[in-house]
Amino acid sequence: MPKIIVLGGTGYAGAAIVTEAARRGHEVVAVSRSVPEITVDGVTYVQGSVADAAFAESVVAGAHTVVSALSPRGDLDGRIVDVDTKLARLADEAGARFVVVGGFGSLRAEEGAARIVESSDFPADYRPESQQMLEVLEVLRGIEGLDWVYVSPAQEFGSFNPGEDTGSYRVGGEIAFFDDAGRSAISGADFARGVVDEVENPQHHKAHISLAY
């Protein structure tokens, strides 16, 4: 099975992706600043900071797919763009595909509309994080040769709303999915399923996609 490196592998999205990839029998390496108390059988956990260039290079080496599930929080706040850029270039040098877990704010509510993060009603507390992740998307578009995909989750995605494993999801482009009640949601398990499906059977290259119900 191909080797999958999940950076931020103990965070909400990263841990779900690690669990799903390991369940399918992939060789999975979860990279984070700390090792969780409860680990997933068969997963290799590596502790360190990907902001350290030498460490980042060491963990990316030999990967088939590099998944960045990093968030612009803590010591990565204000540094995520630079860190993801360096990781993308390392993945490119290693011949690996680069998958980024992006943000809902990078999507558009409808064709021709501004990015959701740019709307006046976007929550101010989350705007800095979302703007940084949007910048990561723009950087990826400028890296020639890199095989990348930027995956935006639905609006209601996170530890605050873990949801249920339904076994289903929809794949879209940069236009956000909303249901008949105006909700945009997806569980951690189903988001991870969509990401690992894309890793196993790549359908999108140099593309911004979204996953939701």
C-alpha atoms as a PDB file:
ATOM      1  CA  MET A   1       0.000   0.000   0.000  1.00  0.00           C
ATOM      2  CA  PRO A   2       1.227   3.570  -0.700  1.00  0.00           C
ATOM      3  CA  LYS A   3       2.712   5.519   2.175  1.00  0.00           C
ATOM      4  CA  ILE A   4       0.496   8.372   3.384  1.00  0.00           C
ATOM      5  CA  ILE A   5       1.958  11.109   5.579  1.00  0.00           C
ATOM      6  CA  VAL A   6      -0.631  13.107   7.512  1.00  0.00           C
ATOM      7  CA  LEU A   7       0.730  16.350   8.909  1.00  0.00           C
ATOM      8  CA  GLY A   8      -1.374  17.501  11.825  1.00  0.00           C
ATOM      9  CA  GLY A   9      -2.361  13.866  12.188  1.00  0.00           C
ATOM     10  CA  THR A  10      -3.750  14.219  15.718  1.00  0.00           C
ATOM     11  CA  GLY A  11      -6.045  17.185  15.061  1.00  0.00           C
ATOM     12  CA  TYR A  12      -9.732  16.779  14.281  1.00  0.00           C
ATOM     13  CA  ALA A  13      -9.494  16.382  10.502  1.00  0.00           C
ATOM     14  CA  GLY A  14      -6.064  14.777  10.553  1.00  0.00           C
ATOM     15  CA  ALA A  15      -6.994  12.116  13.100  1.00  0.00           C
ATOM     16  CA  ALA A  16     -10.098  11.177  11.135  1.00  0.00           C
ATOM     17  CA  ILE A  17      -8.045  10.819   7.937  1.00  0.00           C
ATOM     18  CA  VAL A  18      -5.406   8.761   9.760  1.00  0.00           C
ATOM     19  CA  THR A  19      -8.084   6.441  11.142  1.00  0.00           C
ATOM     20  CA  GLU A  20      -9.778   5.943   7.775  1.00  0.00           C
ATOM     21  CA  ALA A  21      -6.523   5.391   5.867  1.00  0.00           C
ATOM     22  CA  ALA A  22      -5.279   2.883   8.456  1.00  0.00           C
ATOM     23  CA  ARG A  23      -8.632   1.057   8.399  1.00  0.00           C
ATOM     24  CA  ARG A  24      -8.093   0.479   4.685  1.00  0.00           C
ATOM     25  CA  GLY A  25      -4.652  -0.977   5.248  1.00  0.00           C
ATOM     26  CA  HIS A  26      -2.479   1.924   4.126  1.00  0.00           C
ATOM     27  CA  GLU A  27       0.945   2.595   5.585  1.00  0.00           C
ATOM     28  CA  VAL A  28       0.179   5.752   7.570  1.00  0.00           C
ATOM     29  CA  VAL A  29       2.494   8.150   9.370  1.00  0.00           C
ATOM     30  CA  ALA A  30       0.827  10.723  11.631  1.00  0.00           C
ATOM     31  CA  VAL A  31       2.991  13.761  12.272  1.00  0.00           C
ATOM     32  CA  SER A  32       2.221  16.205  15.058  1.00  0.00           C
ATOM     33  CA  ARG A  33       3.761  18.148  17.911  1.00  0.00           C
ATOM     34  CA  SER A  34       2.428  15.616  20.426  1.00  0.00           C
ATOM     35  CA  VAL A  35       1.452  11.956  20.469  1.00  0.00           C
ATOM     36  CA  PRO A  36      -2.158  11.233  21.491  1.00  0.00           C
ATOM     37  CA  GLU A  37      -2.977   9.123  24.520  1.00  0.00           C
ATOM     38  CA  ILE A  38      -5.052   6.815  22.330  1.00  0.00           C
ATOM     39  CA  THR A  39      -3.358   5.743  19.119  1.00  0.00           C
ATOM     40  CA  VAL A  40      -4.604   3.913  16.025  1.00  0.00           C
ATOM     41  CA  ASP A  41      -3.269   0.396  15.523  1.00  0.00           C
ATOM     42  CA  GLY A  42      -0.764   0.142  12.711  1.00  0.00           C
ATOM     43  CA  VAL A  43      -0.096   3.885  12.509  1.00  0.00           C
ATOM     44  CA  THR A  44       3.397   5.289  13.017  1.00  0.00           C
ATOM     45  CA  TYR A  45       3.371   8.455  15.122  1.00  0.00           C
ATOM     46  CA  VAL A  46       6.182  10.954  14.675  1.00  0.00           C
ATOM     47  CA  GLN A  47       6.529  13.909  17.015  1.00  0.00           C
ATOM     48  CA  GLY A  48       8.016  17.211  15.907  1.00  0.00           C
ATOM     49  CA  SER A  49       7.343  20.588  14.321  1.00  0.00           C
ATOM     50  CA  VAL A  50       6.971  20.819  10.551  1.00  0.00           C
ATOM     51  CA  ALA A  51       8.056  24.438  10.876  1.00  0.00           C
ATOM     52  CA  ASP A  52      11.546  22.967  11.289  1.00  0.00           C
ATOM     53  CA  ALA A  53      12.863  22.547   7.738  1.00  0.00           C
ATOM     54  CA  ALA A  54      15.082  19.539   8.451  1.00  0.00           C
ATOM     55  CA  PHE A  55      12.301  17.722  10.303  1.00  0.00           C
ATOM     56  CA  ALA A  56       9.778  18.456   7.542  1.00  0.00           C
ATOM     57  CA  GLU A  57      12.137  17.114   4.899  1.00  0.00           C
ATOM     58  CA  SER A  58      12.713  13.933   6.883  1.00  0.00           C
ATOM     59  CA  VAL A  59       9.032  13.090   7.303  1.00  0.00           C
ATOM     60  CA  VAL A  60       8.066  13.828   3.685  1.00  0.00           C
ATOM     61  CA  ALA A  61      10.810  11.639   2.241  1.00  0.00           C
ATOM     62  CA  GLY A  62       9.443   8.449   0.691  1.00  0.00           C
ATOM     63  CA  ALA A  63       5.804   9.509   0.764  1.00  0.00           C
ATOM     64  CA  HIS A  64       3.304   8.648  -1.944  1.00  0.00           C
ATOM     65  CA  THR A  65       0.844  11.253  -0.648  1.00  0.00           C
ATOM     66  CA  VAL A  66       1.368  14.104   1.799  1.00  0.00           C
ATOM     67  CA  VAL A  67      -1.770  15.370   3.528  1.00  0.00           C
ATOM     68  CA  SER A  68      -1.504  18.721   5.274  1.00  0.00           C
ATOM     69  CA  ALA A  69      -4.230  18.920   7.902  1.00  0.00           C
ATOM     70  CA  LEU A  70      -2.460  21.773   9.661  1.00  0.00           C
ATOM     71  CA  SER A  71      -4.338  24.738  11.096  1.00  0.00           C
ATOM     72  CA  PRO A  72      -3.148  28.342  11.434  1.00  0.00           C
ATOM     73  CA  ARG A  73      -3.286  28.152  15.208  1.00  0.00           C
ATOM     74  CA  GLY A  74      -0.684  28.240  17.954  1.00  0.00           C
ATOM     75  CA  ASP A  75       2.822  28.568  16.555  1.00  0.00           C
ATOM     76  CA  LEU A  76       1.483  28.178  12.998  1.00  0.00           C
ATOM     77  CA  ASP A  77      -0.714  31.267  13.230  1.00  0.00           C
ATOM     78  CA  GLY A  78       0.795  33.687  10.750  1.00  0.00           C
ATOM     79  CA  ARG A  79       3.181  30.991   9.494  1.00  0.00           C
ATOM     80  CA  ILE A  80       0.865  28.451   7.856  1.00  0.00           C
ATOM     81  CA  VAL A  81       1.307  29.891   4.361  1.00  0.00           C
ATOM     82  CA  ASP A  82       5.082  29.688   4.548  1.00  0.00           C
ATOM     83  CA  VAL A  83       5.010  26.213   6.132  1.00  0.00           C
ATOM     84  CA  ASP A  84       2.520  24.752   3.642  1.00  0.00           C
ATOM     85  CA  THR A  85       4.474  26.316   0.768  1.00  0.00           C
ATOM     86  CA  LYS A  86       7.672  24.622   1.907  1.00  0.00           C
ATOM     87  CA  LEU A  87       5.850  21.322   2.446  1.00  0.00           C
ATOM     88  CA  ALA A  88       4.321  21.546  -1.024  1.00  0.00           C
ATOM     89  CA  ARG A  89       7.748  22.034  -2.571  1.00  0.00           C
ATOM     90  CA  LEU A  90       9.151  19.106  -0.573  1.00  0.00           C
ATOM     91  CA  ALA A  91       6.272  16.930  -1.760  1.00  0.00           C
ATOM     92  CA  ASP A  92       6.942  17.984  -5.331  1.00  0.00           C
ATOM     93  CA  GLU A  93      10.636  17.115  -4.997  1.00  0.00           C
ATOM     94  CA  ALA A  94       9.683  13.727  -3.543  1.00  0.00           C
ATOM     95  CA  GLY A  95       7.248  13.042  -6.395  1.00  0.00           C
ATOM     96  CA  ALA A  96       4.368  12.916  -3.914  1.00  0.00           C
ATOM     97  CA  ARG A  97       0.850  14.245  -4.275  1.00  0.00           C
ATOM     98  CA  PHE A  98      -0.003  17.123  -1.923  1.00  0.00           C
ATOM     99  CA  VAL A  99      -3.461  17.236  -0.341  1.00  0.00           C
ATOM    100  CA  VAL A 100      -4.460  20.218   1.804  1.00  0.00           C
ATOM    101  CA  VAL A 101      -7.404  20.303   4.178  1.00  0.00           C
ATOM    102  CA  GLY A 102      -8.589  23.834   3.548  1.00  0.00           C
ATOM    103  CA  GLY A 103     -11.380  25.958   4.899  1.00  0.00           C
ATOM    104  CA  PHE A 104     -15.056  26.538   4.189  1.00  0.00           C
ATOM    105  CA  GLY A 105     -14.356  30.253   3.787  1.00  0.00           C
ATOM    106  CA  SER A 106     -12.347  29.568   0.636  1.00  0.00           C
ATOM    107  CA  LEU A 107     -15.536  28.467  -1.149  1.00  0.00           C
ATOM    108  CA  ARG A 108     -18.103  30.634  -2.909  1.00  0.00           C
ATOM    109  CA  ALA A 109     -21.806  30.614  -2.021  1.00  0.00           C
ATOM    110  CA  GLU A 110     -22.737  30.760  -5.700  1.00  0.00           C
ATOM    111  CA  GLU A 111     -21.180  31.116  -9.122  1.00  0.00           C
ATOM    112  CA  GLY A 112     -19.519  34.493  -9.556  1.00  0.00           C
ATOM    113  CA  ALA A 113     -19.770  35.413  -5.879  1.00  0.00           C
ATOM    114  CA  ALA A 114     -16.830  36.470  -3.753  1.00  0.00           C
ATOM    115  CA  ARG A 115     -15.184  33.960  -1.463  1.00  0.00           C
ATOM    116  CA  ILE A 116     -17.296  33.305   1.621  1.00  0.00           C
ATOM    117  CA  VAL A 117     -14.534  34.629   3.885  1.00  0.00           C
ATOM    118  CA  GLU A 118     -14.801  37.963   2.074  1.00  0.00           C
ATOM    119  CA  SER A 119     -18.499  38.399   2.850  1.00  0.00           C
ATOM    120  CA  SER A 120     -19.497  40.936   5.498  1.00  0.00           C
ATOM    121  CA  ASP A 121     -21.350  38.361   7.613  1.00  0.00           C
ATOM    122  CA  PHE A 122     -18.419  35.962   7.936  1.00  0.00           C
ATOM    123  CA  PRO A 123     -17.588  35.592  11.675  1.00  0.00           C
ATOM    124  CA  ALA A 124     -14.800  38.019  12.522  1.00  0.00           C
ATOM    125  CA  ASP A 125     -13.191  35.610  15.002  1.00  0.00           C
ATOM    126  CA  TYR A 126     -12.570  33.045  12.252  1.00  0.00           C
ATOM    127  CA  ARG A 127     -11.642  35.440   9.450  1.00  0.00           C
ATOM    128  CA  PRO A 128      -7.843  35.493  10.051  1.00  0.00           C
ATOM    129  CA  GLU A 129      -7.609  31.683   9.955  1.00  0.00           C
ATOM    130  CA  SER A 130      -9.779  31.439   6.861  1.00  0.00           C
ATOM    131  CA  GLN A 131      -7.858  34.171   5.050  1.00  0.00           C
ATOM    132  CA  GLN A 132      -4.586  32.378   5.725  1.00  0.00           C
ATOM    133  CA  MET A 133      -5.951  29.135   4.312  1.00  0.00           C
ATOM    134  CA  LEU A 134      -7.230  30.967   1.248  1.00  0.00           C
ATOM    135  CA  GLU A 135      -3.726  32.298   0.728  1.00  0.00           C
ATOM    136  CA  VAL A 136      -2.417  28.720   0.861  1.00  0.00           C
ATOM    137  CA  LEU A 137      -4.777  27.883  -2.014  1.00  0.00           C
ATOM    138  CA  GLU A 138      -3.469  30.788  -4.069  1.00  0.00           C
ATOM    139  CA  VAL A 139       0.119  29.699  -3.438  1.00  0.00           C
ATOM    140  CA  LEU A 140      -0.617  26.148  -4.600  1.00  0.00           C
ATOM    141  CA  ARG A 141      -1.957  27.487  -7.868  1.00  0.00           C
ATOM    142  CA  GLY A 142       1.407  29.083  -8.516  1.00  0.00           C
ATOM    143  CA  ILE A 143       3.567  25.992  -7.986  1.00  0.00           C
ATOM    144  CA  GLU A 144       4.178  24.583 -11.440  1.00  0.00           C
ATOM    145  CA  GLY A 145       4.444  20.814 -11.693  1.00  0.00           C
ATOM    146  CA  LEU A 146       3.031  19.989  -8.251  1.00  0.00           C
ATOM    147  CA  ASP A 147       0.101  17.554  -8.208  1.00  0.00           C
ATOM    148  CA  TRP A 148      -2.150  19.037  -5.529  1.00  0.00           C
ATOM    149  CA  VAL A 149      -5.758  19.122  -4.388  1.00  0.00           C
ATOM    150  CA  TYR A 150      -7.217  21.528  -1.827  1.00  0.00           C
ATOM    151  CA  VAL A 151     -10.238  20.083  -0.028  1.00  0.00           C
ATOM    152  CA  SER A 152     -12.728  22.392   1.666  1.00  0.00           C
ATOM    153  CA  PRO A 153     -15.104  20.870   4.223  1.00  0.00           C
ATOM    154  CA  ALA A 154     -18.676  21.975   4.764  1.00  0.00           C
ATOM    155  CA  GLN A 155     -19.534  24.855   7.079  1.00  0.00           C
ATOM    156  CA  GLU A 156     -20.600  22.586   9.937  1.00  0.00           C
ATOM    157  CA  PHE A 157     -17.418  20.570  10.227  1.00  0.00           C
ATOM    158  CA  GLY A 158     -15.332  20.213  13.347  1.00  0.00           C
ATOM    159  CA  SER A 159     -15.122  18.789  16.832  1.00  0.00           C
ATOM    160  CA  PHE A 160     -18.079  20.989  17.805  1.00  0.00           C
ATOM    161  CA  ASN A 161     -20.259  18.953  15.430  1.00  0.00           C
ATOM    162  CA  PRO A 162     -18.690  15.515  14.871  1.00  0.00           C
ATOM    163  CA  GLY A 163     -21.837  14.092  13.266  1.00  0.00           C
ATOM    164  CA  GLU A 164     -22.338  10.461  12.283  1.00  0.00           C
ATOM    165  CA  ASP A 165     -20.610   8.121   9.878  1.00  0.00           C
ATOM    166  CA  THR A 166     -23.233   7.891   7.137  1.00  0.00           C
ATOM    167  CA  GLY A 167     -21.001   6.356   4.480  1.00  0.00           C
ATOM    168  CA  SER A 168     -21.944   9.038   1.980  1.00  0.00           C
ATOM    169  CA  TYR A 169     -20.868  12.495   0.811  1.00  0.00           C
ATOM    170  CA  ARG A 170     -20.973  14.753  -2.231  1.00  0.00           C
ATOM    171  CA  VAL A 171     -17.941  16.088  -4.080  1.00  0.00           C
ATOM    172  CA  GLY A 172     -18.146  19.570  -5.514  1.00  0.00           C
ATOM    173  CA  GLY A 173     -15.940  22.339  -6.761  1.00  0.00           C
ATOM    174  CA  GLU A 174     -15.504  25.766  -5.219  1.00  0.00           C
ATOM    175  CA  ILE A 175     -19.261  26.391  -4.915  1.00  0.00           C
ATOM    176  CA  ALA A 176     -20.415  25.346  -1.436  1.00  0.00           C
ATOM    177  CA  PHE A 177     -23.088  22.685  -1.014  1.00  0.00           C
ATOM    178  CA  PHE A 178     -26.182  23.529   1.033  1.00  0.00           C
ATOM    179  CA  ASP A 179     -29.157  21.266   1.702  1.00  0.00           C
ATOM    180  CA  ASP A 180     -32.818  22.203   1.351  1.00  0.00           C
ATOM    181  CA  ALA A 181     -32.768  23.689   4.856  1.00  0.00           C
ATOM    182  CA  GLY A 182     -29.798  25.893   4.016  1.00  0.00           C
ATOM    183  CA  ARG A 183     -27.300  23.819   5.980  1.00  0.00           C
ATOM    184  CA  SER A 184     -23.820  22.855   4.865  1.00  0.00           C
ATOM    185  CA  ALA A 185     -22.477  19.981   6.951  1.00  0.00           C
ATOM    186  CA  ILE A 186     -20.385  16.825   6.974  1.00  0.00           C
ATOM    187  CA  SER A 187     -19.123  14.530   9.719  1.00  0.00           C
ATOM    188  CA  GLY A 188     -15.458  13.948  10.408  1.00  0.00           C
ATOM    189  CA  ALA A 189     -15.753  10.301   9.366  1.00  0.00           C
ATOM    190  CA  ASP A 190     -17.407  11.066   6.029  1.00  0.00           C
ATOM    191  CA  PHE A 191     -15.003  13.907   5.260  1.00  0.00           C
ATOM    192  CA  ALA A 192     -12.106  11.539   5.913  1.00  0.00           C
ATOM    193  CA  ARG A 193     -13.739   8.950   3.669  1.00  0.00           C
ATOM    194  CA  GLY A 194     -13.872  11.474   0.848  1.00  0.00           C
ATOM    195  CA  VAL A 195     -10.242  12.490   1.306  1.00  0.00           C
ATOM    196  CA  VAL A 196      -8.972   8.903   1.365  1.00  0.00           C
ATOM    197  CA  ASP A 197     -11.136   8.010  -1.647  1.00  0.00           C
ATOM    198  CA  GLU A 198      -9.402  10.845  -3.519  1.00  0.00           C
ATOM    199  CA  VAL A 199      -6.001   9.614  -2.350  1.00  0.00           C
ATOM    200  CA  GLU A 200      -6.710   6.077  -3.522  1.00  0.00           C
ATOM    201  CA  ASN A 201      -8.374   7.051  -6.785  1.00  0.00           C
ATOM    202  CA  PRO A 202      -7.299  10.560  -7.804  1.00  0.00           C
ATOM    203  CA  GLN A 203     -10.030  12.353  -9.701  1.00  0.00           C
ATOM    204  CA  HIS A 204      -8.890  15.935  -9.249  1.00  0.00           C
ATOM    205  CA  HIS A 205      -5.517  17.475 -10.033  1.00  0.00           C
ATOM    206  CA  LYS A 206      -4.441  21.059  -9.334  1.00  0.00           C
ATOM    207  CA  ALA A 207      -7.970  21.616  -8.130  1.00  0.00           C
ATOM    208  CA  HIS A 208     -10.049  23.098  -5.337  1.00  0.00           C
ATOM    209  CA  ILE A 209     -12.820  20.697  -4.319  1.00  0.00           C
ATOM    210  CA  SER A 210     -15.354  20.505  -1.501  1.00  0.00           C
ATOM    211  CA  LEU A 211     -16.955  17.700   0.488  1.00  0.00           C
ATOM    212  CA  ALA A 212     -20.393  17.927   2.097  1.00  0.00           C
ATOM    213  CA  TYR A 213     -23.723  16.126   2.306  1.00  0.00           C
END
